Amino acid sequence: MFSVRNIPASRALKTYRCPGCDHEIGPGTAHVVAWPDRDAGGPDERRHWHTGCWSGRASRSITRRWS
């Protein structure tokens, strides 16, 4: 399971790389932040995903590993 937070465009201030498509998520782009839902999960395990990539993750594999 994952903890998930939707980030609105107005709060998206940095550039991130989506692990679903390996493309950048630019500032001002609404997106999703997800991290493993477990006690050991911390800030280092958060990943920023395009909303569509997060929604479609079950139908394809990720292009970047969580490492």
PDB file of N, CA and C in Angstrom:
ATOM      1  N   MET A   1       0.824  -1.182   0.000  1.00  0.00           N
ATOM      2  CA  MET A   1       0.000   0.000   0.000  1.00  0.00           C
ATOM      3  C   MET A   1       0.872   1.250   0.000  1.00  0.00           C
ATOM      4  N   PHE A   2       0.276   2.330  -0.438  1.00  0.00           N
ATOM      5  CA  PHE A   2       0.980   3.603  -0.528  1.00  0.00           C
ATOM      6  C   PHE A   2       0.158   4.715   0.116  1.00  0.00           C
ATOM      7  N   SER A   3       0.848   5.657   0.687  1.00  0.00           N
ATOM      8  CA  SER A   3       0.220   6.908   1.086  1.00  0.00           C
ATOM      9  C   SER A   3       0.345   7.832  -0.118  1.00  0.00           C
ATOM     10  N   VAL A   4      -0.724   8.531  -0.433  1.00  0.00           N
ATOM     11  CA  VAL A   4      -0.756   9.352  -1.646  1.00  0.00           C
ATOM     12  C   VAL A   4      -1.290  10.737  -1.301  1.00  0.00           C
ATOM     13  N   ARG A   5      -0.652  11.742  -1.877  1.00  0.00           N
ATOM     14  CA  ARG A   5      -1.108  13.124  -1.694  1.00  0.00           C
ATOM     15  C   ARG A   5      -1.174  13.804  -3.059  1.00  0.00           C
ATOM     16  N   ASN A   6      -2.283  14.443  -3.345  1.00  0.00           N
ATOM     17  CA  ASN A   6      -2.417  15.233  -4.570  1.00  0.00           C
ATOM     18  C   ASN A   6      -1.819  16.615  -4.331  1.00  0.00           C
ATOM     19  N   ILE A   7      -0.968  17.039  -5.247  1.00  0.00           N
ATOM     20  CA  ILE A   7      -0.333  18.346  -5.161  1.00  0.00           C
ATOM     21  C   ILE A   7      -0.965  19.254  -6.225  1.00  0.00           C
ATOM     22  N   PRO A   8      -1.664  20.310  -5.823  1.00  0.00           N
ATOM     23  CA  PRO A   8      -2.261  21.220  -6.814  1.00  0.00           C
ATOM     24  C   PRO A   8      -1.170  22.039  -7.505  1.00  0.00           C
ATOM     25  N   ALA A   9      -1.476  22.534  -8.671  1.00  0.00           N
ATOM     26  CA  ALA A   9      -0.512  23.308  -9.461  1.00  0.00           C
ATOM     27  C   ALA A   9       0.044  24.491  -8.671  1.00  0.00           C
ATOM     28  N   SER A  10      -0.777  25.114  -7.867  1.00  0.00           N
ATOM     29  CA  SER A  10      -0.337  26.289  -7.106  1.00  0.00           C
ATOM     30  C   SER A  10       0.701  25.957  -6.034  1.00  0.00           C
ATOM     31  N   ARG A  11       0.800  24.692  -5.647  1.00  0.00           N
ATOM     32  CA  ARG A  11       1.774  24.278  -4.621  1.00  0.00           C
ATOM     33  C   ARG A  11       2.965  23.542  -5.205  1.00  0.00           C
ATOM     34  N   ALA A  12       2.958  23.317  -6.513  1.00  0.00           N
ATOM     35  CA  ALA A  12       4.051  22.610  -7.183  1.00  0.00           C
ATOM     36  C   ALA A  12       5.125  23.627  -7.560  1.00  0.00           C
ATOM     37  N   LEU A  13       6.183  23.688  -6.761  1.00  0.00           N
ATOM     38  CA  LEU A  13       7.178  24.734  -6.917  1.00  0.00           C
ATOM     39  C   LEU A  13       8.508  24.259  -7.499  1.00  0.00           C
ATOM     40  N   LYS A  14       8.730  22.958  -7.544  1.00  0.00           N
ATOM     41  CA  LYS A  14      10.008  22.407  -7.999  1.00  0.00           C
ATOM     42  C   LYS A  14       9.802  21.524  -9.227  1.00  0.00           C
ATOM     43  N   THR A  15      10.910  21.131  -9.823  1.00  0.00           N
ATOM     44  CA  THR A  15      10.893  20.163 -10.916  1.00  0.00           C
ATOM     45  C   THR A  15      11.233  18.793 -10.351  1.00  0.00           C
ATOM     46  N   TYR A  16      10.456  17.798 -10.728  1.00  0.00           N
ATOM     47  CA  TYR A  16      10.676  16.411 -10.313  1.00  0.00           C
ATOM     48  C   TYR A  16      10.711  15.532 -11.550  1.00  0.00           C
ATOM     49  N   ARG A  17      11.191  14.313 -11.407  1.00  0.00           N
ATOM     50  CA  ARG A  17      11.181  13.357 -12.510  1.00  0.00           C
ATOM     51  C   ARG A  17      10.222  12.231 -12.143  1.00  0.00           C
ATOM     52  N   CYS A  18       9.239  11.997 -12.996  1.00  0.00           N
ATOM     53  CA  CYS A  18       8.216  10.982 -12.776  1.00  0.00           C
ATOM     54  C   CYS A  18       8.807   9.583 -12.997  1.00  0.00           C
ATOM     55  N   PRO A  19       8.673   8.677 -12.024  1.00  0.00           N
ATOM     56  CA  PRO A  19       9.189   7.323 -12.215  1.00  0.00           C
ATOM     57  C   PRO A  19       8.332   6.497 -13.180  1.00  0.00           C
ATOM     58  N   GLY A  20       7.149   6.971 -13.503  1.00  0.00           N
ATOM     59  CA  GLY A  20       6.276   6.234 -14.413  1.00  0.00           C
ATOM     60  C   GLY A  20       6.656   6.404 -15.875  1.00  0.00           C
ATOM     61  N   CYS A  21       7.085   7.609 -16.255  1.00  0.00           N
ATOM     62  CA  CYS A  21       7.399   7.882 -17.667  1.00  0.00           C
ATOM     63  C   CYS A  21       8.812   8.422 -17.864  1.00  0.00           C
ATOM     64  N   ASP A  22       9.496   8.733 -16.780  1.00  0.00           N
ATOM     65  CA  ASP A  22      10.857   9.279 -16.791  1.00  0.00           C
ATOM     66  C   ASP A  22      10.928  10.670 -17.420  1.00  0.00           C
ATOM     67  N   HIS A  23       9.805  11.402 -17.439  1.00  0.00           N
ATOM     68  CA  HIS A  23       9.791  12.784 -17.907  1.00  0.00           C
ATOM     69  C   HIS A  23       9.674  13.716 -16.707  1.00  0.00           C
ATOM     70  N   GLU A  24      10.063  14.952 -16.921  1.00  0.00           N
ATOM     71  CA  GLU A  24       9.995  15.929 -15.837  1.00  0.00           C
ATOM     72  C   GLU A  24       8.570  16.374 -15.548  1.00  0.00           C
ATOM     73  N   ILE A  25       8.335  16.669 -14.284  1.00  0.00           N
ATOM     74  CA  ILE A  25       7.117  17.331 -13.832  1.00  0.00           C
ATOM     75  C   ILE A  25       7.564  18.740 -13.474  1.00  0.00           C
ATOM     76  N   GLY A  26       7.178  19.702 -14.254  1.00  0.00           N
ATOM     77  CA  GLY A  26       7.644  21.072 -14.063  1.00  0.00           C
ATOM     78  C   GLY A  26       6.886  21.817 -12.983  1.00  0.00           C
ATOM     79  N   PRO A  27       7.457  22.918 -12.518  1.00  0.00           N
ATOM     80  CA  PRO A  27       6.752  23.777 -11.561  1.00  0.00           C
ATOM     81  C   PRO A  27       5.408  24.217 -12.142  1.00  0.00           C
ATOM     82  N   GLY A  28       4.412  24.282 -11.290  1.00  0.00           N
ATOM     83  CA  GLY A  28       3.080  24.696 -11.733  1.00  0.00           C
ATOM     84  C   GLY A  28       2.260  23.576 -12.342  1.00  0.00           C
ATOM     85  N   THR A  29       2.745  22.327 -12.244  1.00  0.00           N
ATOM     86  CA  THR A  29       2.022  21.179 -12.780  1.00  0.00           C
ATOM     87  C   THR A  29       1.445  20.365 -11.632  1.00  0.00           C
ATOM     88  N   ALA A  30       0.135  20.217 -11.612  1.00  0.00           N
ATOM     89  CA  ALA A  30      -0.494  19.377 -10.589  1.00  0.00           C
ATOM     90  C   ALA A  30       0.009  17.944 -10.765  1.00  0.00           C
ATOM     91  N   HIS A  31       0.230  17.252  -9.649  1.00  0.00           N
ATOM     92  CA  HIS A  31       0.743  15.890  -9.712  1.00  0.00           C
ATOM     93  C   HIS A  31       0.451  15.163  -8.399  1.00  0.00           C
ATOM     94  N   VAL A  32       0.961  13.944  -8.278  1.00  0.00           N
ATOM     95  CA  VAL A  32       0.734  13.087  -7.122  1.00  0.00           C
ATOM     96  C   VAL A  32       2.069  12.784  -6.459  1.00  0.00           C
ATOM     97  N   VAL A  33       2.094  12.779  -5.139  1.00  0.00           N
ATOM     98  CA  VAL A  33       3.256  12.312  -4.381  1.00  0.00           C
ATOM     99  C   VAL A  33       2.832  11.019  -3.694  1.00  0.00           C
ATOM    100  N   ALA A  34       3.646   9.976  -3.836  1.00  0.00           N
ATOM    101  CA  ALA A  34       3.338   8.687  -3.220  1.00  0.00           C
ATOM    102  C   ALA A  34       4.573   8.146  -2.517  1.00  0.00           C
ATOM    103  N   TRP A  35       4.345   7.418  -1.422  1.00  0.00           N
ATOM    104  CA  TRP A  35       5.437   6.774  -0.708  1.00  0.00           C
ATOM    105  C   TRP A  35       4.896   5.506  -0.065  1.00  0.00           C
ATOM    106  N   PRO A  36       5.763   4.519   0.162  1.00  0.00           N
ATOM    107  CA  PRO A  36       5.309   3.255   0.756  1.00  0.00           C
ATOM    108  C   PRO A  36       4.660   3.501   2.115  1.00  0.00           C
ATOM    109  N   ASP A  37       3.566   2.837   2.339  1.00  0.00           N
ATOM    110  CA  ASP A  37       2.807   2.980   3.571  1.00  0.00           C
ATOM    111  C   ASP A  37       3.306   1.950   4.585  1.00  0.00           C
ATOM    112  N   ARG A  38       4.404   2.294   5.218  1.00  0.00           N
ATOM    113  CA  ARG A  38       4.981   1.417   6.243  1.00  0.00           C
ATOM    114  C   ARG A  38       5.770   2.274   7.217  1.00  0.00           C
ATOM    115  N   ASP A  39       6.084   1.697   8.371  1.00  0.00           N
ATOM    116  CA  ASP A  39       6.773   2.446   9.418  1.00  0.00           C
ATOM    117  C   ASP A  39       8.136   2.964   8.976  1.00  0.00           C
ATOM    118  N   ALA A  40       8.839   2.208   8.135  1.00  0.00           N
ATOM    119  CA  ALA A  40      10.190   2.601   7.722  1.00  0.00           C
ATOM    120  C   ALA A  40      10.189   3.654   6.626  1.00  0.00           C
ATOM    121  N   GLY A  41       9.046   3.898   6.021  1.00  0.00           N
ATOM    122  CA  GLY A  41       8.978   4.876   4.930  1.00  0.00           C
ATOM    123  C   GLY A  41       9.218   6.283   5.445  1.00  0.00           C
ATOM    124  N   GLY A  42      10.067   6.997   4.756  1.00  0.00           N
ATOM    125  CA  GLY A  42      10.363   8.355   5.159  1.00  0.00           C
ATOM    126  C   GLY A  42      10.426   9.262   3.954  1.00  0.00           C
ATOM    127  N   PRO A  43      10.877  10.485   4.143  1.00  0.00           N
ATOM    128  CA  PRO A  43      10.937  11.450   3.044  1.00  0.00           C
ATOM    129  C   PRO A  43      11.769  10.977   1.854  1.00  0.00           C
ATOM    130  N   ASP A  44      12.776  10.153   2.100  1.00  0.00           N
ATOM    131  CA  ASP A  44      13.614   9.678   0.999  1.00  0.00           C
ATOM    132  C   ASP A  44      12.881   8.726   0.063  1.00  0.00           C
ATOM    133  N   GLU A  45      11.759   8.187   0.491  1.00  0.00           N
ATOM    134  CA  GLU A  45      11.018   7.240  -0.332  1.00  0.00           C
ATOM    135  C   GLU A  45       9.848   7.873  -1.079  1.00  0.00           C
ATOM    136  N   ARG A  46       9.638   9.171  -0.920  1.00  0.00           N
ATOM    137  CA  ARG A  46       8.555   9.852  -1.654  1.00  0.00           C
ATOM    138  C   ARG A  46       8.931   9.961  -3.120  1.00  0.00           C
ATOM    139  N   ARG A  47       7.959   9.761  -3.983  1.00  0.00           N
ATOM    140  CA  ARG A  47       8.158   9.917  -5.416  1.00  0.00           C
ATOM    141  C   ARG A  47       7.025  10.769  -5.964  1.00  0.00           C
ATOM    142  N   HIS A  48       7.375  11.658  -6.875  1.00  0.00           N
ATOM    143  CA  HIS A  48       6.416  12.565  -7.510  1.00  0.00           C
ATOM    144  C   HIS A  48       6.063  11.987  -8.876  1.00  0.00           C
ATOM    145  N   TRP A  49       4.774  11.770  -9.111  1.00  0.00           N
ATOM    146  CA  TRP A  49       4.269  11.147 -10.329  1.00  0.00           C
ATOM    147  C   TRP A  49       3.327  12.101 -11.053  1.00  0.00           C
ATOM    148  N   HIS A  50       3.334  12.041 -12.396  1.00  0.00           N
ATOM    149  CA  HIS A  50       2.236  12.671 -13.131  1.00  0.00           C
ATOM    150  C   HIS A  50       0.958  11.956 -12.686  1.00  0.00           C
ATOM    151  N   THR A  51      -0.123  12.677 -12.607  1.00  0.00           N
ATOM    152  CA  THR A  51      -1.385  12.075 -12.169  1.00  0.00           C
ATOM    153  C   THR A  51      -1.780  10.901 -13.057  1.00  0.00           C
ATOM    154  N   GLY A  52      -1.652  11.044 -14.374  1.00  0.00           N
ATOM    155  CA  GLY A  52      -1.995   9.967 -15.297  1.00  0.00           C
ATOM    156  C   GLY A  52      -1.071   8.764 -15.169  1.00  0.00           C
ATOM    157  N   CYS A  53       0.204   9.002 -14.930  1.00  0.00           N
ATOM    158  CA  CYS A  53       1.156   7.894 -14.744  1.00  0.00           C
ATOM    159  C   CYS A  53       0.823   7.114 -13.482  1.00  0.00           C
ATOM    160  N   TRP A  54       0.468   7.827 -12.410  1.00  0.00           N
ATOM    161  CA  TRP A  54       0.097   7.149 -11.172  1.00  0.00           C
ATOM    162  C   TRP A  54      -1.168   6.321 -11.384  1.00  0.00           C
ATOM    163  N   SER A  55      -2.140   6.880 -12.072  1.00  0.00           N
ATOM    164  CA  SER A  55      -3.399   6.167 -12.324  1.00  0.00           C
ATOM    165  C   SER A  55      -3.191   4.928 -13.189  1.00  0.00           C
ATOM    166  N   GLY A  56      -2.253   4.988 -14.136  1.00  0.00           N
ATOM    167  CA  GLY A  56      -2.035   3.884 -15.056  1.00  0.00           C
ATOM    168  C   GLY A  56      -0.903   2.950 -14.668  1.00  0.00           C
ATOM    169  N   ARG A  57      -0.371   3.087 -13.455  1.00  0.00           N
ATOM    170  CA  ARG A  57       0.805   2.309 -13.082  1.00  0.00           C
ATOM    171  C   ARG A  57       0.559   0.802 -13.050  1.00  0.00           C
ATOM    172  N   ALA A  58      -0.682   0.371 -12.866  1.00  0.00           N
ATOM    173  CA  ALA A  58      -0.984  -1.063 -12.814  1.00  0.00           C
ATOM    174  C   ALA A  58      -0.896  -1.723 -14.188  1.00  0.00           C
ATOM    175  N   SER A  59      -1.010  -0.928 -15.241  1.00  0.00           N
ATOM    176  CA  SER A  59      -1.023  -1.510 -16.584  1.00  0.00           C
ATOM    177  C   SER A  59       0.339  -1.462 -17.280  1.00  0.00           C
ATOM    178  N   ARG A  60       1.353  -0.894 -16.599  1.00  0.00           N
ATOM    179  CA  ARG A  60       2.697  -0.885 -17.169  1.00  0.00           C
ATOM    180  C   ARG A  60       3.713  -0.817 -16.039  1.00  0.00           C
ATOM    181  N   SER A  61       4.938  -1.169 -16.358  1.00  0.00           N
ATOM    182  CA  SER A  61       5.971  -1.130 -15.330  1.00  0.00           C
ATOM    183  C   SER A  61       6.575   0.271 -15.269  1.00  0.00           C
ATOM    184  N   ILE A  62       7.197   0.580 -14.143  1.00  0.00           N
ATOM    185  CA  ILE A  62       7.827   1.882 -14.003  1.00  0.00           C
ATOM    186  C   ILE A  62       9.129   1.915 -14.785  1.00  0.00           C
ATOM    187  N   THR A  63       9.568   3.089 -15.146  1.00  0.00           N
ATOM    188  CA  THR A  63      10.807   3.222 -15.908  1.00  0.00           C
ATOM    189  C   THR A  63      11.980   3.567 -15.006  1.00  0.00           C
ATOM    190  N   ARG A  64      11.708   4.044 -13.815  1.00  0.00           N
ATOM    191  CA  ARG A  64      12.782   4.340 -12.854  1.00  0.00           C
ATOM    192  C   ARG A  64      12.519   3.555 -11.585  1.00  0.00           C
ATOM    193  N   ARG A  65      13.540   2.988 -11.007  1.00  0.00           N
ATOM    194  CA  ARG A  65      13.415   2.213  -9.772  1.00  0.00           C
ATOM    195  C   ARG A  65      13.412   3.130  -8.575  1.00  0.00           C
ATOM    196  N   TRP A  66      12.828   2.662  -7.497  1.00  0.00           N
ATOM    197  CA  TRP A  66      12.731   3.421  -6.253  1.00  0.00           C
ATOM    198  C   TRP A  66      14.025   3.302  -5.464  1.00  0.00           C
ATOM    199  N   SER A  67      15.126   3.645  -6.065  1.00  0.00           N
ATOM    200  CA  SER A  67      16.399   3.529  -5.342  1.00  0.00           C
ATOM    201  C   SER A  67      17.171   4.828  -5.410  1.00  0.00           C
TER     202      SER A  67
END
